[in-house]
C-alpha atoms as a PDB file:
ATOM      1  CA  UNK A   1      -2.364 -15.832   6.254  1.00  0.00           C
ATOM      2  CA  UNK A   2      -2.631 -17.471   2.846  1.00  0.00           C
ATOM      3  CA  UNK A   3      -4.684 -14.502   1.559  1.00  0.00           C
ATOM      4  CA  UNK A   4      -2.116 -12.038   2.962  1.00  0.00           C
ATOM      5  CA  UNK A   5       0.740 -13.799   1.151  1.00  0.00           C
ATOM      6  CA  UNK A   6      -1.245 -13.778  -2.091  1.00  0.00           C
ATOM      7  CA  UNK A   7      -1.986 -10.047  -1.723  1.00  0.00           C
ATOM      8  CA  UNK A   8       1.696  -9.266  -1.073  1.00  0.00           C
ATOM      9  CA  UNK A   9       2.746 -11.343  -4.108  1.00  0.00           C
ATOM     10  CA  UNK A  10       0.249  -9.495  -6.327  1.00  0.00           C
ATOM     11  CA  UNK A  11       1.501  -6.131  -5.048  1.00  0.00           C
ATOM     12  CA  UNK A  12       5.129  -7.050  -5.788  1.00  0.00           C
ATOM     13  CA  UNK A  13       4.157  -8.195  -9.295  1.00  0.00           C
ATOM     14  CA  UNK A  14       2.342  -4.938 -10.073  1.00  0.00           C
ATOM     15  CA  UNK A  15       5.191  -2.774  -8.774  1.00  0.00           C
ATOM     16  CA  UNK A  16       7.888  -4.677 -10.656  1.00  0.00           C
ATOM     17  CA  UNK A  17       6.046  -4.703 -14.011  1.00  0.00           C
ATOM     18  CA  UNK A  18       6.063  -1.584 -16.266  1.00  0.00           C
ATOM     19  CA  UNK A  19       2.736   0.130 -16.828  1.00  0.00           C
ATOM     20  CA  UNK A  20       1.671  -0.377 -20.420  1.00  0.00           C
ATOM     21  CA  UNK A  21      -0.110   2.667 -21.823  1.00  0.00           C
ATOM     22  CA  UNK A  22      -1.798   2.453 -25.260  1.00  0.00           C
ATOM     23  CA  UNK A  23       0.108   4.657 -27.706  1.00  0.00           C
ATOM     24  CA  UNK A  24      -3.128   6.406 -28.684  1.00  0.00           C
ATOM     25  CA  UNK A  25      -3.350   7.773 -25.127  1.00  0.00           C
ATOM     26  CA  UNK A  26       0.334   8.623 -24.808  1.00  0.00           C
ATOM     27  CA  UNK A  27       1.075  12.317 -24.388  1.00  0.00           C
ATOM     28  CA  UNK A  28       2.842  13.722 -27.439  1.00  0.00           C
ATOM     29  CA  UNK A  29       5.685  16.220 -27.001  1.00  0.00           C
ATOM     30  CA  UNK A  30       4.761  19.897 -27.223  1.00  0.00           C
ATOM     31  CA  UNK A  31       6.877  20.244 -30.381  1.00  0.00           C
ATOM     32  CA  UNK A  32       5.228  17.258 -32.099  1.00  0.00           C
ATOM     33  CA  UNK A  33       4.633  17.712 -35.820  1.00  0.00           C
ATOM     34  CA  UNK A  34       2.235  15.305 -37.509  1.00  0.00           C
ATOM     35  CA  UNK A  35       2.826  14.626 -41.199  1.00  0.00           C
ATOM     36  CA  UNK A  36       0.065  12.821 -43.068  1.00  0.00           C
ATOM     37  CA  UNK A  37       0.903  11.345 -46.454  1.00  0.00           C
ATOM     38  CA  UNK A  38      -1.356   9.263 -48.729  1.00  0.00           C
ATOM     39  CA  UNK A  39       0.317   6.066 -47.533  1.00  0.00           C
ATOM     40  CA  UNK A  40       1.622   6.831 -44.033  1.00  0.00           C
ATOM     41  CA  UNK A  41       1.218   9.098 -41.005  1.00  0.00           C
ATOM     42  CA  UNK A  42       4.283   9.975 -38.944  1.00  0.00           C
ATOM     43  CA  UNK A  43       5.053  12.141 -35.911  1.00  0.00           C
ATOM     44  CA  UNK A  44       8.339  13.958 -35.360  1.00  0.00           C
ATOM     45  CA  UNK A  45       9.605  15.901 -32.382  1.00  0.00           C
ATOM     46  CA  UNK A  46      11.973  18.793 -33.016  1.00  0.00           C
ATOM     47  CA  UNK A  47      14.903  16.660 -31.849  1.00  0.00           C
ATOM     48  CA  UNK A  48      13.956  13.943 -34.354  1.00  0.00           C
ATOM     49  CA  UNK A  49      13.667  16.467 -37.170  1.00  0.00           C
ATOM     50  CA  UNK A  50      17.112  17.846 -36.366  1.00  0.00           C
ATOM     51  CA  UNK A  51      18.511  14.319 -36.463  1.00  0.00           C
ATOM     52  CA  UNK A  52      17.021  13.710 -39.914  1.00  0.00           C
ATOM     53  CA  UNK A  53      17.437  17.118 -41.566  1.00  0.00           C
ATOM     54  CA  UNK A  54      20.059  19.838 -41.499  1.00  0.00           C
ATOM     55  CA  UNK A  55      18.426  23.082 -40.281  1.00  0.00           C
ATOM     56  CA  UNK A  56      18.687  26.109 -42.546  1.00  0.00           C
ATOM     57  CA  UNK A  57      18.538  29.847 -41.896  1.00  0.00           C
ATOM     58  CA  UNK A  58      16.317  32.197 -43.876  1.00  0.00           C
ATOM     59  CA  UNK A  59      16.074  35.987 -43.639  1.00  0.00           C
ATOM     60  CA  UNK A  60      12.952  37.678 -45.006  1.00  0.00           C
ATOM     61  CA  UNK A  61      10.533  40.529 -44.462  1.00  0.00           C
ATOM     62  CA  UNK A  62       7.770  38.828 -42.517  1.00  0.00           C
ATOM     63  CA  UNK A  63       4.181  40.000 -43.242  1.00  0.00           C
ATOM     64  CA  UNK A  64       2.966  38.976 -39.763  1.00  0.00           C
ATOM     65  CA  UNK A  65       5.784  40.554 -37.764  1.00  0.00           C
ATOM     66  CA  UNK A  66       5.940  43.398 -40.309  1.00  0.00           C
ATOM     67  CA  UNK A  67       9.728  43.552 -40.181  1.00  0.00           C
ATOM     68  CA  UNK A  68      12.818  41.667 -41.326  1.00  0.00           C
ATOM     69  CA  UNK A  69      13.257  38.396 -39.452  1.00  0.00           C
ATOM     70  CA  UNK A  70      15.746  35.528 -39.499  1.00  0.00           C
ATOM     71  CA  UNK A  71      14.390  32.067 -38.763  1.00  0.00           C
ATOM     72  CA  UNK A  72      15.840  28.596 -38.375  1.00  0.00           C
ATOM     73  CA  UNK A  73      13.895  25.699 -39.829  1.00  0.00           C
ATOM     74  CA  UNK A  74      13.621  22.932 -42.411  1.00  0.00           C
ATOM     75  CA  UNK A  75      12.798  23.156 -46.136  1.00  0.00           C
ATOM     76  CA  UNK A  76       9.230  21.903 -46.488  1.00  0.00           C
ATOM     77  CA  UNK A  77       9.831  19.707 -49.541  1.00  0.00           C
ATOM     78  CA  UNK A  78      12.868  18.096 -47.880  1.00  0.00           C
ATOM     79  CA  UNK A  79      10.804  17.444 -44.749  1.00  0.00           C
ATOM     80  CA  UNK A  80       8.044  15.772 -46.780  1.00  0.00           C
ATOM     81  CA  UNK A  81      10.613  13.639 -48.576  1.00  0.00           C
ATOM     82  CA  UNK A  82      12.142  12.472 -45.296  1.00  0.00           C
ATOM     83  CA  UNK A  83       8.644  11.572 -44.077  1.00  0.00           C
ATOM     84  CA  UNK A  84       8.226   9.292 -47.096  1.00  0.00           C
ATOM     85  CA  UNK A  85       6.659  11.401 -49.846  1.00  0.00           C
ATOM     86  CA  UNK A  86       7.497  10.273 -53.367  1.00  0.00           C
ATOM     87  CA  UNK A  87       6.597  11.764 -56.731  1.00  0.00           C
ATOM     88  CA  UNK A  88       4.080   8.946 -57.245  1.00  0.00           C
ATOM     89  CA  UNK A  89       2.372   9.518 -53.878  1.00  0.00           C
ATOM     90  CA  UNK A  90      -0.826  10.828 -55.465  1.00  0.00           C
ATOM     91  CA  UNK A  91      -1.391  14.202 -53.776  1.00  0.00           C
ATOM     92  CA  UNK A  92      -1.979  17.570 -55.418  1.00  0.00           C
ATOM     93  CA  UNK A  93      -2.428  19.855 -52.388  1.00  0.00           C
ATOM     94  CA  UNK A  94      -0.846  20.376 -48.985  1.00  0.00           C
ATOM     95  CA  UNK A  95      -3.065  21.337 -46.033  1.00  0.00           C
ATOM     96  CA  UNK A  96      -1.502  23.015 -42.991  1.00  0.00           C
ATOM     97  CA  UNK A  97      -3.404  22.739 -39.712  1.00  0.00           C
ATOM     98  CA  UNK A  98      -2.777  25.062 -36.765  1.00  0.00           C
ATOM     99  CA  UNK A  99      -3.613  24.414 -33.115  1.00  0.00           C
ATOM    100  CA  UNK A 100      -6.836  26.439 -33.332  1.00  0.00           C
ATOM    101  CA  UNK A 101      -8.165  24.614 -36.411  1.00  0.00           C
ATOM    102  CA  UNK A 102      -7.047  27.175 -38.998  1.00  0.00           C
ATOM    103  CA  UNK A 103      -6.292  25.019 -42.061  1.00  0.00           C
ATOM    104  CA  UNK A 104      -5.012  26.794 -45.190  1.00  0.00           C
ATOM    105  CA  UNK A 105      -3.839  24.908 -48.239  1.00  0.00           C
ATOM    106  CA  UNK A 106      -1.591  25.355 -51.241  1.00  0.00           C
ATOM    107  CA  UNK A 107      -0.797  23.310 -54.311  1.00  0.00           C
ATOM    108  CA  UNK A 108       2.448  21.618 -55.251  1.00  0.00           C
ATOM    109  CA  UNK A 109       3.023  24.028 -58.109  1.00  0.00           C
ATOM    110  CA  UNK A 110       3.499  26.830 -55.554  1.00  0.00           C
ATOM    111  CA  UNK A 111       5.884  24.622 -53.551  1.00  0.00           C
ATOM    112  CA  UNK A 112       7.973  23.971 -56.652  1.00  0.00           C
ATOM    113  CA  UNK A 113       8.055  27.631 -57.660  1.00  0.00           C
ATOM    114  CA  UNK A 114       8.780  29.046 -54.207  1.00  0.00           C
ATOM    115  CA  UNK A 115      10.803  28.075 -51.167  1.00  0.00           C
ATOM    116  CA  UNK A 116       8.790  27.251 -48.030  1.00  0.00           C
ATOM    117  CA  UNK A 117      10.479  26.753 -44.653  1.00  0.00           C
ATOM    118  CA  UNK A 118       8.982  25.110 -41.563  1.00  0.00           C
ATOM    119  CA  UNK A 119      10.562  27.388 -38.947  1.00  0.00           C
ATOM    120  CA  UNK A 120      10.993  26.292 -35.322  1.00  0.00           C
ATOM    121  CA  UNK A 121      12.548  29.429 -33.831  1.00  0.00           C
ATOM    122  CA  UNK A 122      13.888  32.896 -34.461  1.00  0.00           C
ATOM    123  CA  UNK A 123      17.655  32.875 -34.904  1.00  0.00           C
ATOM    124  CA  UNK A 124      19.476  33.673 -31.680  1.00  0.00           C
ATOM    125  CA  UNK A 125      16.464  32.797 -29.529  1.00  0.00           C
ATOM    126  CA  UNK A 126      15.102  29.682 -27.870  1.00  0.00           C
ATOM    127  CA  UNK A 127      11.718  30.203 -29.572  1.00  0.00           C
ATOM    128  CA  UNK A 128       9.792  32.951 -31.419  1.00  0.00           C
ATOM    129  CA  UNK A 129       8.964  36.511 -30.450  1.00  0.00           C
ATOM    130  CA  UNK A 130       5.233  36.872 -29.824  1.00  0.00           C
ATOM    131  CA  UNK A 131       2.833  38.065 -32.513  1.00  0.00           C
ATOM    132  CA  UNK A 132      -0.192  40.295 -32.140  1.00  0.00           C
ATOM    133  CA  UNK A 133      -3.408  38.322 -32.641  1.00  0.00           C
ATOM    134  CA  UNK A 134      -6.177  40.841 -32.156  1.00  0.00           C
ATOM    135  CA  UNK A 135      -5.609  42.220 -28.670  1.00  0.00           C
ATOM    136  CA  UNK A 136      -3.681  39.152 -27.550  1.00  0.00           C
ATOM    137  CA  UNK A 137      -0.020  38.271 -28.031  1.00  0.00           C
ATOM    138  CA  UNK A 138       0.721  34.700 -29.117  1.00  0.00           C
ATOM    139  CA  UNK A 139       3.785  32.654 -29.936  1.00  0.00           C
ATOM    140  CA  UNK A 140       4.000  31.026 -33.387  1.00  0.00           C
ATOM    141  CA  UNK A 141       5.448  27.906 -31.706  1.00  0.00           C
ATOM    142  CA  UNK A 142       5.773  25.039 -32.204  1.00  0.00           C
ATOM    143  CA  UNK A 143       6.202  25.665 -35.945  1.00  0.00           C
ATOM    144  CA  UNK A 144       5.640  28.536 -38.356  1.00  0.00           C
ATOM    145  CA  UNK A 145       5.474  28.201 -42.150  1.00  0.00           C
ATOM    146  CA  UNK A 146       7.428  31.020 -43.810  1.00  0.00           C
ATOM    147  CA  UNK A 147       8.433  31.720 -47.403  1.00  0.00           C
ATOM    148  CA  UNK A 148      11.864  32.836 -48.558  1.00  0.00           C
ATOM    149  CA  UNK A 149      10.378  35.552 -50.796  1.00  0.00           C
ATOM    150  CA  UNK A 150       8.791  37.185 -47.745  1.00  0.00           C
ATOM    151  CA  UNK A 151       6.183  39.887 -48.195  1.00  0.00           C
ATOM    152  CA  UNK A 152       6.253  39.475 -51.982  1.00  0.00           C
ATOM    153  CA  UNK A 153       4.261  36.275 -51.423  1.00  0.00           C
ATOM    154  CA  UNK A 154       2.159  37.547 -48.525  1.00  0.00           C
ATOM    155  CA  UNK A 155      -1.142  37.431 -50.427  1.00  0.00           C
ATOM    156  CA  UNK A 156      -0.493  34.350 -52.534  1.00  0.00           C
ATOM    157  CA  UNK A 157       0.481  31.621 -50.081  1.00  0.00           C
ATOM    158  CA  UNK A 158      -0.465  30.660 -46.514  1.00  0.00           C
ATOM    159  CA  UNK A 159       1.660  31.713 -43.500  1.00  0.00           C
ATOM    160  CA  UNK A 160       0.196  29.526 -40.719  1.00  0.00           C
ATOM    161  CA  UNK A 161       1.760  29.604 -37.286  1.00  0.00           C
ATOM    162  CA  UNK A 162       1.231  27.319 -34.261  1.00  0.00           C
ATOM    163  CA  UNK A 163       1.487  24.633 -36.924  1.00  0.00           C
ATOM    164  CA  UNK A 164       0.866  21.059 -35.718  1.00  0.00           C
ATOM    165  CA  UNK A 165      -0.036  19.074 -38.855  1.00  0.00           C
ATOM    166  CA  UNK A 166       0.986  18.964 -42.510  1.00  0.00           C
ATOM    167  CA  UNK A 167      -1.143  16.790 -44.771  1.00  0.00           C
ATOM    168  CA  UNK A 168      -0.644  15.861 -48.417  1.00  0.00           C
ATOM    169  CA  UNK A 169      -4.024  15.271 -50.033  1.00  0.00           C
ATOM    170  CA  UNK A 170      -5.800  14.680 -53.276  1.00  0.00           C
ATOM    171  CA  UNK A 171      -8.066  17.687 -52.893  1.00  0.00           C
ATOM    172  CA  UNK A 172     -11.109  16.250 -54.630  1.00  0.00           C
ATOM    173  CA  UNK A 173     -10.920  13.049 -52.587  1.00  0.00           C
ATOM    174  CA  UNK A 174     -10.225  14.777 -49.268  1.00  0.00           C
ATOM    175  CA  UNK A 175     -12.837  17.512 -49.707  1.00  0.00           C
ATOM    176  CA  UNK A 176     -15.333  15.793 -51.976  1.00  0.00           C
ATOM    177  CA  UNK A 177     -18.347  17.066 -49.997  1.00  0.00           C
ATOM    178  CA  UNK A 178     -17.643  20.680 -50.892  1.00  0.00           C
ATOM    179  CA  UNK A 179     -16.763  19.991 -54.536  1.00  0.00           C
ATOM    180  CA  UNK A 180     -19.415  21.194 -57.053  1.00  0.00           C
ATOM    181  CA  UNK A 181     -19.915  18.036 -59.074  1.00  0.00           C
ATOM    182  CA  UNK A 182     -21.212  18.320 -62.607  1.00  0.00           C
ATOM    183  CA  UNK A 183     -20.204  21.969 -63.084  1.00  0.00           C
ATOM    184  CA  UNK A 184     -18.107  22.941 -66.105  1.00  0.00           C
ATOM    185  CA  UNK A 185     -14.795  24.716 -65.611  1.00  0.00           C
ATOM    186  CA  UNK A 186     -15.826  28.111 -66.992  1.00  0.00           C
ATOM    187  CA  UNK A 187     -19.110  28.254 -65.063  1.00  0.00           C
ATOM    188  CA  UNK A 188     -19.493  30.998 -62.442  1.00  0.00           C
ATOM    189  CA  UNK A 189     -20.119  28.335 -59.781  1.00  0.00           C
ATOM    190  CA  UNK A 190     -16.792  26.601 -60.520  1.00  0.00           C
ATOM    191  CA  UNK A 191     -14.953  29.915 -60.558  1.00  0.00           C
ATOM    192  CA  UNK A 192     -16.545  30.744 -57.227  1.00  0.00           C
ATOM    193  CA  UNK A 193     -15.514  27.357 -55.859  1.00  0.00           C
ATOM    194  CA  UNK A 194     -11.888  27.996 -56.850  1.00  0.00           C
ATOM    195  CA  UNK A 195     -11.930  31.351 -55.061  1.00  0.00           C
ATOM    196  CA  UNK A 196     -13.547  29.735 -52.017  1.00  0.00           C
ATOM    197  CA  UNK A 197     -10.885  27.005 -52.074  1.00  0.00           C
ATOM    198  CA  UNK A 198      -8.054  29.528 -52.235  1.00  0.00           C
ATOM    199  CA  UNK A 199      -9.393  32.142 -49.820  1.00  0.00           C
ATOM    200  CA  UNK A 200     -12.136  30.747 -47.582  1.00  0.00           C
ATOM    201  CA  UNK A 201     -11.646  27.049 -46.844  1.00  0.00           C
ATOM    202  CA  UNK A 202      -8.810  27.797 -44.434  1.00  0.00           C
ATOM    203  CA  UNK A 203     -11.402  29.140 -41.965  1.00  0.00           C
ATOM    204  CA  UNK A 204     -14.820  27.936 -43.166  1.00  0.00           C
ATOM    205  CA  UNK A 205     -16.284  24.540 -43.936  1.00  0.00           C
ATOM    206  CA  UNK A 206     -18.904  23.339 -46.381  1.00  0.00           C
ATOM    207  CA  UNK A 207     -20.663  20.124 -45.349  1.00  0.00           C
ATOM    208  CA  UNK A 208     -18.259  20.006 -42.363  1.00  0.00           C
ATOM    209  CA  UNK A 209     -15.183  19.872 -44.613  1.00  0.00           C
ATOM    210  CA  UNK A 210     -12.671  22.702 -44.280  1.00  0.00           C
ATOM    211  CA  UNK A 211     -11.409  25.026 -41.561  1.00  0.00           C
ATOM    212  CA  UNK A 212     -12.879  25.334 -38.079  1.00  0.00           C
ATOM    213  CA  UNK A 213     -12.244  28.959 -37.106  1.00  0.00           C
ATOM    214  CA  UNK A 214     -15.205  30.416 -38.998  1.00  0.00           C
ATOM    215  CA  UNK A 215     -18.770  29.087 -39.112  1.00  0.00           C
ATOM    216  CA  UNK A 216     -19.961  26.168 -41.224  1.00  0.00           C
ATOM    217  CA  UNK A 217     -21.682  27.614 -44.300  1.00  0.00           C
ATOM    218  CA  UNK A 218     -23.977  24.883 -45.641  1.00  0.00           C
ATOM    219  CA  UNK A 219     -25.497  22.680 -42.927  1.00  0.00           C
ATOM    220  CA  UNK A 220     -27.999  22.629 -41.486  1.00  0.00           C
ATOM    221  CA  UNK A 221     -28.745  25.916 -43.282  1.00  0.00           C
ATOM    222  CA  UNK A 222     -26.822  27.365 -46.189  1.00  0.00           C
ATOM    223  CA  UNK A 223     -25.710  30.922 -45.471  1.00  0.00           C
ATOM    224  CA  UNK A 224     -27.670  32.170 -48.527  1.00  0.00           C
ATOM    225  CA  UNK A 225     -30.834  30.886 -46.842  1.00  0.00           C
ATOM    226  CA  UNK A 226     -30.570  33.432 -44.032  1.00  0.00           C
ATOM    227  CA  UNK A 227     -28.359  36.172 -45.519  1.00  0.00           C
ATOM    228  CA  UNK A 228     -29.281  37.986 -48.723  1.00  0.00           C
ATOM    229  CA  UNK A 229     -26.931  38.055 -51.697  1.00  0.00           C
ATOM    230  CA  UNK A 230     -26.672  41.858 -51.414  1.00  0.00           C
ATOM    231  CA  UNK A 231     -25.571  41.589 -47.773  1.00  0.00           C
ATOM    232  CA  UNK A 232     -22.998  38.908 -48.586  1.00  0.00           C
ATOM    233  CA  UNK A 233     -21.702  41.004 -51.471  1.00  0.00           C
ATOM    234  CA  UNK A 234     -20.832  43.744 -48.969  1.00  0.00           C
ATOM    235  CA  UNK A 235     -19.844  41.506 -46.061  1.00  0.00           C
ATOM    236  CA  UNK A 236     -17.348  39.129 -47.709  1.00  0.00           C
ATOM    237  CA  UNK A 237     -14.818  41.758 -48.821  1.00  0.00           C
ATOM    238  CA  UNK A 238     -14.776  43.536 -45.433  1.00  0.00           C
ATOM    239  CA  UNK A 239     -16.429  41.851 -42.458  1.00  0.00           C
ATOM    240  CA  UNK A 240     -15.088  44.512 -40.079  1.00  0.00           C
ATOM    241  CA  UNK A 241     -17.424  47.057 -41.709  1.00  0.00           C
ATOM    242  CA  UNK A 242     -20.254  44.978 -40.183  1.00  0.00           C
ATOM    243  CA  UNK A 243     -18.636  43.814 -36.942  1.00  0.00           C
ATOM    244  CA  UNK A 244     -15.924  45.296 -34.791  1.00  0.00           C
ATOM    245  CA  UNK A 245     -13.372  42.708 -33.603  1.00  0.00           C
ATOM    246  CA  UNK A 246     -14.263  40.441 -36.513  1.00  0.00           C
ATOM    247  CA  UNK A 247     -11.801  37.574 -36.941  1.00  0.00           C
ATOM    248  CA  UNK A 248     -12.531  37.493 -40.660  1.00  0.00           C
ATOM    249  CA  UNK A 249      -9.833  39.408 -42.571  1.00  0.00           C
ATOM    250  CA  UNK A 250     -10.640  41.820 -45.405  1.00  0.00           C
ATOM    251  CA  UNK A 251     -10.215  40.667 -48.990  1.00  0.00           C
ATOM    252  CA  UNK A 252      -9.363  43.833 -50.921  1.00  0.00           C
ATOM    253  CA  UNK A 253      -7.862  41.879 -53.819  1.00  0.00           C
ATOM    254  CA  UNK A 254     -11.217  40.230 -54.623  1.00  0.00           C
ATOM    255  CA  UNK A 255     -13.212  42.198 -57.168  1.00  0.00           C
ATOM    256  CA  UNK A 256     -17.000  42.356 -57.259  1.00  0.00           C
ATOM    257  CA  UNK A 257     -17.284  39.614 -59.882  1.00  0.00           C
ATOM    258  CA  UNK A 258     -15.185  37.198 -57.818  1.00  0.00           C
ATOM    259  CA  UNK A 259     -17.357  37.795 -54.756  1.00  0.00           C
ATOM    260  CA  UNK A 260     -20.505  37.277 -56.843  1.00  0.00           C
ATOM    261  CA  UNK A 261     -19.060  33.977 -58.077  1.00  0.00           C
ATOM    262  CA  UNK A 262     -18.390  32.841 -54.500  1.00  0.00           C
ATOM    263  CA  UNK A 263     -22.019  33.601 -53.689  1.00  0.00           C
ATOM    264  CA  UNK A 264     -23.135  31.576 -56.726  1.00  0.00           C
ATOM    265  CA  UNK A 265     -21.070  28.665 -55.444  1.00  0.00           C
ATOM    266  CA  UNK A 266     -22.635  28.947 -51.979  1.00  0.00           C
ATOM    267  CA  UNK A 267     -26.133  29.036 -53.510  1.00  0.00           C
ATOM    268  CA  UNK A 268     -25.340  25.953 -55.583  1.00  0.00           C
ATOM    269  CA  UNK A 269     -24.158  23.959 -52.576  1.00  0.00           C
ATOM    270  CA  UNK A 270     -27.434  24.397 -50.659  1.00  0.00           C
ATOM    271  CA  UNK A 271     -28.875  21.622 -52.852  1.00  0.00           C
ATOM    272  CA  UNK A 272     -26.025  19.278 -51.904  1.00  0.00           C
ATOM    273  CA  UNK A 273     -26.174  19.130 -48.112  1.00  0.00           C
ATOM    274  CA  UNK A 274     -24.898  16.148 -46.175  1.00  0.00           C
ATOM    275  CA  UNK A 275     -27.203  14.330 -43.779  1.00  0.00           C
ATOM    276  CA  UNK A 276     -26.949  15.214 -40.122  1.00  0.00           C
ATOM    277  CA  UNK A 277     -23.869  13.438 -38.706  1.00  0.00           C
END
């Protein structure tokens, strides 16, 4: 009888006490946006963002939808300021990470010159119309980075959708394992690195630093160790000429010299591989 009373008391205690779940295991809302700054990491739901920032409307010709669109969202620089970014925060680049690992970047100079909006829906709708992604149709939700200048900036800045994280970084510190140390600015390797940084890192990684959509290009084997330079010279500008259904977009704006410089950078990095993680 004594054991029965003890069991009943324990049961009542467990039922009456709240279940404590570690925050690291707590389920985040589907519209969660993570903002990583040099000194702090914060998470905002859409409702929290609306409470902190006044939404704006922007109408532009969208290069992904290929038509004029009106979105509702928040100015990117205002959003970063609300999250705690100051002029002395020590970052020179912003990296945008999508749900699938696509991670393009841009520098603060572009953000000062142009007007970026973190959109959360198409005006007059609960969410976004779906976009064609290959043969599939996908929603840009929860967030879509758009630019007020529209298609005029289509080739110069990133337009990531299904955006879940915005990170302010010091590029050389964040991506030090893909940086070509000891190379002078006007060297072909450094020029190739800059092109890789602007065009390739959003999908590919070097030494496991960079995007996750495309293959890693340096470890355990550097791509120049199993593909010839001549093949890469033809493949990089237009992967679809080698493979149907290739996820790698064409790069018609890159001239032959720029592609050759990217290859020189890739060759250089094969002597700077990280150890197996």
